[in-house]
Amino acid sequence: METSEKTRIQDVFAHAGVREGKFTAQQADGGFTPEMNLEFTKWLLDNADTMGKYFEDPKAAPSPEFIRAYAKERSQ
């Protein structure tokens, strides 16, 4: 379940990047560059407390604690 939640958060980030024209669809589907990985980790930390704004149902967003732990894991 934890892996699924991490994938879901990564998808939210990637799809937002495609909509904004920052990434290609190919990159969003798993071809993250090292720069994108760094940006994703920063995005997690910057949005940990407001992640609900990226979800159709804000209550479905992961907890800030989960997001921060995931960002920390990615930084190691």
PDB file of N, CA and C in Angstrom:
ATOM      1  N   MET A   1       0.813  -1.177   0.000  1.00  0.00           N
ATOM      2  CA  MET A   1       0.000   0.000   0.000  1.00  0.00           C
ATOM      3  C   MET A   1       0.868   1.257   0.000  1.00  0.00           C
ATOM      4  N   GLU A   2       1.937   1.236   0.741  1.00  0.00           N
ATOM      5  CA  GLU A   2       2.839   2.377   0.808  1.00  0.00           C
ATOM      6  C   GLU A   2       3.430   2.674  -0.581  1.00  0.00           C
ATOM      7  N   THR A   3       3.829   1.636  -1.297  1.00  0.00           N
ATOM      8  CA  THR A   3       4.382   1.812  -2.640  1.00  0.00           C
ATOM      9  C   THR A   3       3.345   2.417  -3.571  1.00  0.00           C
ATOM     10  N   SER A   4       2.127   1.969  -3.461  1.00  0.00           N
ATOM     11  CA  SER A   4       1.037   2.504  -4.278  1.00  0.00           C
ATOM     12  C   SER A   4       0.831   3.990  -4.006  1.00  0.00           C
ATOM     13  N   GLU A   5       0.890   4.384  -2.755  1.00  0.00           N
ATOM     14  CA  GLU A   5       0.704   5.787  -2.376  1.00  0.00           C
ATOM     15  C   GLU A   5       1.845   6.642  -2.925  1.00  0.00           C
ATOM     16  N   LYS A   6       3.049   6.135  -2.884  1.00  0.00           N
ATOM     17  CA  LYS A   6       4.197   6.869  -3.434  1.00  0.00           C
ATOM     18  C   LYS A   6       4.051   7.050  -4.938  1.00  0.00           C
ATOM     19  N   THR A   7       3.603   6.012  -5.600  1.00  0.00           N
ATOM     20  CA  THR A   7       3.390   6.089  -7.048  1.00  0.00           C
ATOM     21  C   THR A   7       2.302   7.103  -7.364  1.00  0.00           C
ATOM     22  N   ARG A   8       1.261   7.105  -6.580  1.00  0.00           N
ATOM     23  CA  ARG A   8       0.164   8.057  -6.799  1.00  0.00           C
ATOM     24  C   ARG A   8       0.640   9.498  -6.656  1.00  0.00           C
ATOM     25  N   ILE A   9       1.462   9.784  -5.661  1.00  0.00           N
ATOM     26  CA  ILE A   9       1.986  11.130  -5.468  1.00  0.00           C
ATOM     27  C   ILE A   9       2.895  11.512  -6.641  1.00  0.00           C
ATOM     28  N   GLN A  10       3.725  10.586  -7.072  1.00  0.00           N
ATOM     29  CA  GLN A  10       4.612  10.859  -8.195  1.00  0.00           C
ATOM     30  C   GLN A  10       3.796  11.145  -9.453  1.00  0.00           C
ATOM     31  N   ASP A  11       2.720  10.414  -9.647  1.00  0.00           N
ATOM     32  CA  ASP A  11       1.850  10.655 -10.804  1.00  0.00           C
ATOM     33  C   ASP A  11       1.217  12.043 -10.753  1.00  0.00           C
ATOM     34  N   VAL A  12       0.795  12.459  -9.577  1.00  0.00           N
ATOM     35  CA  VAL A  12       0.204  13.801  -9.427  1.00  0.00           C
ATOM     36  C   VAL A  12       1.226  14.852  -9.847  1.00  0.00           C
ATOM     37  N   PHE A  13       2.448  14.720  -9.365  1.00  0.00           N
ATOM     38  CA  PHE A  13       3.525  15.654  -9.721  1.00  0.00           C
ATOM     39  C   PHE A  13       3.795  15.636 -11.223  1.00  0.00           C
ATOM     40  N   ALA A  14       3.921  14.455 -11.785  1.00  0.00           N
ATOM     41  CA  ALA A  14       4.247  14.322 -13.204  1.00  0.00           C
ATOM     42  C   ALA A  14       3.148  14.890 -14.095  1.00  0.00           C
ATOM     43  N   HIS A  15       1.908  14.599 -13.775  1.00  0.00           N
ATOM     44  CA  HIS A  15       0.794  15.087 -14.597  1.00  0.00           C
ATOM     45  C   HIS A  15       0.679  16.599 -14.512  1.00  0.00           C
ATOM     46  N   ALA A  16       0.932  17.155 -13.340  1.00  0.00           N
ATOM     47  CA  ALA A  16       0.925  18.615 -13.214  1.00  0.00           C
ATOM     48  C   ALA A  16       2.037  19.216 -14.076  1.00  0.00           C
ATOM     49  N   GLY A  17       3.191  18.582 -14.084  1.00  0.00           N
ATOM     50  CA  GLY A  17       4.307  19.057 -14.905  1.00  0.00           C
ATOM     51  C   GLY A  17       4.001  19.004 -16.392  1.00  0.00           C
ATOM     52  N   VAL A  18       3.291  17.981 -16.832  1.00  0.00           N
ATOM     53  CA  VAL A  18       2.900  17.874 -18.249  1.00  0.00           C
ATOM     54  C   VAL A  18       1.913  18.986 -18.581  1.00  0.00           C
ATOM     55  N   ARG A  19       0.922  19.190 -17.717  1.00  0.00           N
ATOM     56  CA  ARG A  19      -0.069  20.250 -17.955  1.00  0.00           C
ATOM     57  C   ARG A  19       0.594  21.618 -18.038  1.00  0.00           C
ATOM     58  N   GLU A  20       1.619  21.828 -17.225  1.00  0.00           N
ATOM     59  CA  GLU A  20       2.327  23.111 -17.214  1.00  0.00           C
ATOM     60  C   GLU A  20       3.358  23.220 -18.334  1.00  0.00           C
ATOM     61  N   GLY A  21       3.575  22.135 -19.075  1.00  0.00           N
ATOM     62  CA  GLY A  21       4.548  22.145 -20.162  1.00  0.00           C
ATOM     63  C   GLY A  21       5.992  21.994 -19.701  1.00  0.00           C
ATOM     64  N   LYS A  22       6.190  21.599 -18.458  1.00  0.00           N
ATOM     65  CA  LYS A  22       7.537  21.425 -17.909  1.00  0.00           C
ATOM     66  C   LYS A  22       8.146  20.088 -18.304  1.00  0.00           C
ATOM     67  N   PHE A  23       7.279  19.071 -18.489  1.00  0.00           N
ATOM     68  CA  PHE A  23       7.739  17.722 -18.799  1.00  0.00           C
ATOM     69  C   PHE A  23       6.994  17.197 -20.011  1.00  0.00           C
ATOM     70  N   THR A  24       7.598  16.213 -20.647  1.00  0.00           N
ATOM     71  CA  THR A  24       6.909  15.512 -21.728  1.00  0.00           C
ATOM     72  C   THR A  24       6.120  14.361 -21.112  1.00  0.00           C
ATOM     73  N   ALA A  25       5.175  13.825 -21.866  1.00  0.00           N
ATOM     74  CA  ALA A  25       4.407  12.671 -21.394  1.00  0.00           C
ATOM     75  C   ALA A  25       5.324  11.485 -21.143  1.00  0.00           C
ATOM     76  N   GLN A  26       6.347  11.329 -21.980  1.00  0.00           N
ATOM     77  CA  GLN A  26       7.291  10.220 -21.805  1.00  0.00           C
ATOM     78  C   GLN A  26       8.020  10.343 -20.464  1.00  0.00           C
ATOM     79  N   GLN A  27       8.452  11.551 -20.134  1.00  0.00           N
ATOM     80  CA  GLN A  27       9.119  11.749 -18.851  1.00  0.00           C
ATOM     81  C   GLN A  27       8.148  11.470 -17.696  1.00  0.00           C
ATOM     82  N   ALA A  28       6.922  11.910 -17.846  1.00  0.00           N
ATOM     83  CA  ALA A  28       5.931  11.715 -16.794  1.00  0.00           C
ATOM     84  C   ALA A  28       5.637  10.242 -16.568  1.00  0.00           C
ATOM     85  N   ASP A  29       5.827   9.428 -17.582  1.00  0.00           N
ATOM     86  CA  ASP A  29       5.547   7.997 -17.464  1.00  0.00           C
ATOM     87  C   ASP A  29       6.726   7.204 -16.920  1.00  0.00           C
ATOM     88  N   GLY A  30       7.668   7.874 -16.291  1.00  0.00           N
ATOM     89  CA  GLY A  30       8.728   7.149 -15.608  1.00  0.00           C
ATOM     90  C   GLY A  30      10.123   7.458 -16.078  1.00  0.00           C
ATOM     91  N   GLY A  31      10.246   8.307 -17.060  1.00  0.00           N
ATOM     92  CA  GLY A  31      11.575   8.652 -17.529  1.00  0.00           C
ATOM     93  C   GLY A  31      12.128   9.877 -16.831  1.00  0.00           C
ATOM     94  N   PHE A  32      11.933   9.977 -15.521  1.00  0.00           N
ATOM     95  CA  PHE A  32      12.396  11.145 -14.784  1.00  0.00           C
ATOM     96  C   PHE A  32      13.903  11.313 -14.947  1.00  0.00           C
ATOM     97  N   THR A  33      14.306  12.537 -15.240  1.00  0.00           N
ATOM     98  CA  THR A  33      15.723  12.878 -15.297  1.00  0.00           C
ATOM     99  C   THR A  33      16.204  13.102 -13.860  1.00  0.00           C
ATOM    100  N   PRO A  34      17.511  13.143 -13.636  1.00  0.00           N
ATOM    101  CA  PRO A  34      17.994  13.451 -12.283  1.00  0.00           C
ATOM    102  C   PRO A  34      17.454  14.801 -11.779  1.00  0.00           C
ATOM    103  N   GLU A  35      17.347  15.772 -12.681  1.00  0.00           N
ATOM    104  CA  GLU A  35      16.825  17.082 -12.294  1.00  0.00           C
ATOM    105  C   GLU A  35      15.352  16.986 -11.866  1.00  0.00           C
ATOM    106  N   MET A  36      14.589  16.176 -12.592  1.00  0.00           N
ATOM    107  CA  MET A  36      13.177  15.984 -12.240  1.00  0.00           C
ATOM    108  C   MET A  36      13.056  15.309 -10.879  1.00  0.00           C
ATOM    109  N   ASN A  37      13.930  14.363 -10.593  1.00  0.00           N
ATOM    110  CA  ASN A  37      13.904  13.697  -9.292  1.00  0.00           C
ATOM    111  C   ASN A  37      14.169  14.686  -8.167  1.00  0.00           C
ATOM    112  N   LEU A  38      15.140  15.574  -8.376  1.00  0.00           N
ATOM    113  CA  LEU A  38      15.415  16.603  -7.370  1.00  0.00           C
ATOM    114  C   LEU A  38      14.227  17.543  -7.211  1.00  0.00           C
ATOM    115  N   GLU A  39      13.636  17.939  -8.328  1.00  0.00           N
ATOM    116  CA  GLU A  39      12.481  18.827  -8.298  1.00  0.00           C
ATOM    117  C   GLU A  39      11.293  18.155  -7.602  1.00  0.00           C
ATOM    118  N   PHE A  40      11.114  16.861  -7.847  1.00  0.00           N
ATOM    119  CA  PHE A  40      10.029  16.131  -7.202  1.00  0.00           C
ATOM    120  C   PHE A  40      10.196  16.120  -5.684  1.00  0.00           C
ATOM    121  N   THR A  41      11.393  15.856  -5.218  1.00  0.00           N
ATOM    122  CA  THR A  41      11.643  15.824  -3.776  1.00  0.00           C
ATOM    123  C   THR A  41      11.391  17.206  -3.163  1.00  0.00           C
ATOM    124  N   LYS A  42      11.849  18.245  -3.831  1.00  0.00           N
ATOM    125  CA  LYS A  42      11.602  19.611  -3.355  1.00  0.00           C
ATOM    126  C   LYS A  42      10.101  19.904  -3.349  1.00  0.00           C
ATOM    127  N   TRP A  43       9.394  19.487  -4.392  1.00  0.00           N
ATOM    128  CA  TRP A  43       7.950  19.690  -4.489  1.00  0.00           C
ATOM    129  C   TRP A  43       7.239  19.006  -3.332  1.00  0.00           C
ATOM    130  N   LEU A  44       7.676  17.801  -2.984  1.00  0.00           N
ATOM    131  CA  LEU A  44       7.081  17.097  -1.851  1.00  0.00           C
ATOM    132  C   LEU A  44       7.194  17.935  -0.580  1.00  0.00           C
ATOM    133  N   LEU A  45       8.387  18.427  -0.311  1.00  0.00           N
ATOM    134  CA  LEU A  45       8.609  19.209   0.903  1.00  0.00           C
ATOM    135  C   LEU A  45       7.841  20.525   0.871  1.00  0.00           C
ATOM    136  N   ASP A  46       7.824  21.169  -0.281  1.00  0.00           N
ATOM    137  CA  ASP A  46       7.128  22.460  -0.411  1.00  0.00           C
ATOM    138  C   ASP A  46       5.618  22.329  -0.273  1.00  0.00           C
ATOM    139  N   ASN A  47       5.080  21.161  -0.594  1.00  0.00           N
ATOM    140  CA  ASN A  47       3.628  20.981  -0.619  1.00  0.00           C
ATOM    141  C   ASN A  47       3.098  19.988   0.412  1.00  0.00           C
ATOM    142  N   ALA A  48       3.926  19.571   1.326  1.00  0.00           N
ATOM    143  CA  ALA A  48       3.513  18.552   2.293  1.00  0.00           C
ATOM    144  C   ALA A  48       2.247  18.939   3.054  1.00  0.00           C
ATOM    145  N   ASP A  49       2.136  20.207   3.414  1.00  0.00           N
ATOM    146  CA  ASP A  49       0.982  20.643   4.207  1.00  0.00           C
ATOM    147  C   ASP A  49      -0.230  21.030   3.358  1.00  0.00           C
ATOM    148  N   THR A  50      -0.040  21.132   2.053  1.00  0.00           N
ATOM    149  CA  THR A  50      -1.134  21.584   1.177  1.00  0.00           C
ATOM    150  C   THR A  50      -1.373  20.619   0.015  1.00  0.00           C
ATOM    151  N   MET A  51      -0.979  19.389   0.173  1.00  0.00           N
ATOM    152  CA  MET A  51      -1.065  18.411  -0.912  1.00  0.00           C
ATOM    153  C   MET A  51      -2.499  18.189  -1.388  1.00  0.00           C
ATOM    154  N   GLY A  52      -3.461  18.413  -0.533  1.00  0.00           N
ATOM    155  CA  GLY A  52      -4.850  18.211  -0.902  1.00  0.00           C
ATOM    156  C   GLY A  52      -5.280  19.010  -2.119  1.00  0.00           C
ATOM    157  N   LYS A  53      -4.634  20.144  -2.372  1.00  0.00           N
ATOM    158  CA  LYS A  53      -5.016  20.975  -3.519  1.00  0.00           C
ATOM    159  C   LYS A  53      -4.745  20.279  -4.849  1.00  0.00           C
ATOM    160  N   TYR A  54      -3.959  19.227  -4.842  1.00  0.00           N
ATOM    161  CA  TYR A  54      -3.631  18.497  -6.068  1.00  0.00           C
ATOM    162  C   TYR A  54      -4.551  17.296  -6.315  1.00  0.00           C
ATOM    163  N   PHE A  55      -5.468  17.047  -5.406  1.00  0.00           N
ATOM    164  CA  PHE A  55      -6.344  15.890  -5.499  1.00  0.00           C
ATOM    165  C   PHE A  55      -7.788  16.336  -5.672  1.00  0.00           C
ATOM    166  N   GLU A  56      -8.532  15.578  -6.489  1.00  0.00           N
ATOM    167  CA  GLU A  56      -9.949  15.878  -6.687  1.00  0.00           C
ATOM    168  C   GLU A  56     -10.674  15.896  -5.345  1.00  0.00           C
ATOM    169  N   ASP A  57     -10.363  14.920  -4.504  1.00  0.00           N
ATOM    170  CA  ASP A  57     -10.876  14.890  -3.140  1.00  0.00           C
ATOM    171  C   ASP A  57      -9.699  15.191  -2.211  1.00  0.00           C
ATOM    172  N   PRO A  58      -9.614  16.415  -1.715  1.00  0.00           N
ATOM    173  CA  PRO A  58      -8.468  16.785  -0.869  1.00  0.00           C
ATOM    174  C   PRO A  58      -8.242  15.855   0.320  1.00  0.00           C
ATOM    175  N   LYS A  59      -9.314  15.236   0.807  1.00  0.00           N
ATOM    176  CA  LYS A  59      -9.174  14.314   1.937  1.00  0.00           C
ATOM    177  C   LYS A  59      -8.460  13.031   1.540  1.00  0.00           C
ATOM    178  N   ALA A  60      -8.328  12.798   0.228  1.00  0.00           N
ATOM    179  CA  ALA A  60      -7.658  11.595  -0.259  1.00  0.00           C
ATOM    180  C   ALA A  60      -6.141  11.771  -0.339  1.00  0.00           C
ATOM    181  N   ALA A  61      -5.676  12.968  -0.068  1.00  0.00           N
ATOM    182  CA  ALA A  61      -4.234  13.232  -0.122  1.00  0.00           C
ATOM    183  C   ALA A  61      -3.532  12.547   1.043  1.00  0.00           C
ATOM    184  N   PRO A  62      -2.306  12.121   0.824  1.00  0.00           N
ATOM    185  CA  PRO A  62      -1.535  11.523   1.919  1.00  0.00           C
ATOM    186  C   PRO A  62      -1.268  12.548   3.023  1.00  0.00           C
ATOM    187  N   SER A  63      -1.000  12.064   4.190  1.00  0.00           N
ATOM    188  CA  SER A  63      -0.734  12.957   5.323  1.00  0.00           C
ATOM    189  C   SER A  63       0.598  13.682   5.131  1.00  0.00           C
ATOM    190  N   PRO A  64       0.727  14.862   5.730  1.00  0.00           N
ATOM    191  CA  PRO A  64       2.007  15.577   5.661  1.00  0.00           C
ATOM    192  C   PRO A  64       3.163  14.744   6.214  1.00  0.00           C
ATOM    193  N   GLU A  65       2.894  13.956   7.242  1.00  0.00           N
ATOM    194  CA  GLU A  65       3.949  13.116   7.825  1.00  0.00           C
ATOM    195  C   GLU A  65       4.428  12.072   6.819  1.00  0.00           C
ATOM    196  N   PHE A  66       3.487  11.462   6.103  1.00  0.00           N
ATOM    197  CA  PHE A  66       3.854  10.476   5.087  1.00  0.00           C
ATOM    198  C   PHE A  66       4.685  11.136   3.990  1.00  0.00           C
ATOM    199  N   ILE A  67       4.265  12.305   3.549  1.00  0.00           N
ATOM    200  CA  ILE A  67       4.957  13.008   2.465  1.00  0.00           C
ATOM    201  C   ILE A  67       6.377  13.396   2.893  1.00  0.00           C
ATOM    202  N   ARG A  68       6.520  13.903   4.091  1.00  0.00           N
ATOM    203  CA  ARG A  68       7.863  14.291   4.577  1.00  0.00           C
ATOM    204  C   ARG A  68       8.768  13.064   4.714  1.00  0.00           C
ATOM    205  N   ALA A  69       8.213  11.966   5.191  1.00  0.00           N
ATOM    206  CA  ALA A  69       9.002  10.736   5.313  1.00  0.00           C
ATOM    207  C   ALA A  69       9.437  10.248   3.933  1.00  0.00           C
ATOM    208  N   TYR A  70       8.560  10.345   2.958  1.00  0.00           N
ATOM    209  CA  TYR A  70       8.885   9.946   1.590  1.00  0.00           C
ATOM    210  C   TYR A  70       9.979  10.849   1.028  1.00  0.00           C
ATOM    211  N   ALA A  71       9.880  12.148   1.254  1.00  0.00           N
ATOM    212  CA  ALA A  71      10.907  13.082   0.777  1.00  0.00           C
ATOM    213  C   ALA A  71      12.253  12.768   1.429  1.00  0.00           C
ATOM    214  N   LYS A  72      12.237  12.480   2.713  1.00  0.00           N
ATOM    215  CA  LYS A  72      13.476  12.144   3.427  1.00  0.00           C
ATOM    216  C   LYS A  72      14.086  10.868   2.852  1.00  0.00           C
ATOM    217  N   GLU A  73      13.245   9.880   2.614  1.00  0.00           N
ATOM    218  CA  GLU A  73      13.695   8.616   2.025  1.00  0.00           C
ATOM    219  C   GLU A  73      14.359   8.853   0.658  1.00  0.00           C
ATOM    220  N   ARG A  74      13.761   9.729  -0.139  1.00  0.00           N
ATOM    221  CA  ARG A  74      14.284  10.016  -1.474  1.00  0.00           C
ATOM    222  C   ARG A  74      15.610  10.771  -1.412  1.00  0.00           C
ATOM    223  N   SER A  75      15.846  11.495  -0.325  1.00  0.00           N
ATOM    224  CA  SER A  75      17.049  12.325  -0.189  1.00  0.00           C
ATOM    225  C   SER A  75      18.261  11.537   0.277  1.00  0.00           C
ATOM    226  N   GLN A  76      18.048  10.320   0.695  1.00  0.00           N
ATOM    227  CA  GLN A  76      19.163   9.530   1.244  1.00  0.00           C
ATOM    228  C   GLN A  76      19.962   8.853   0.167  1.00  0.00           C
TER     229      GLN A  76
END
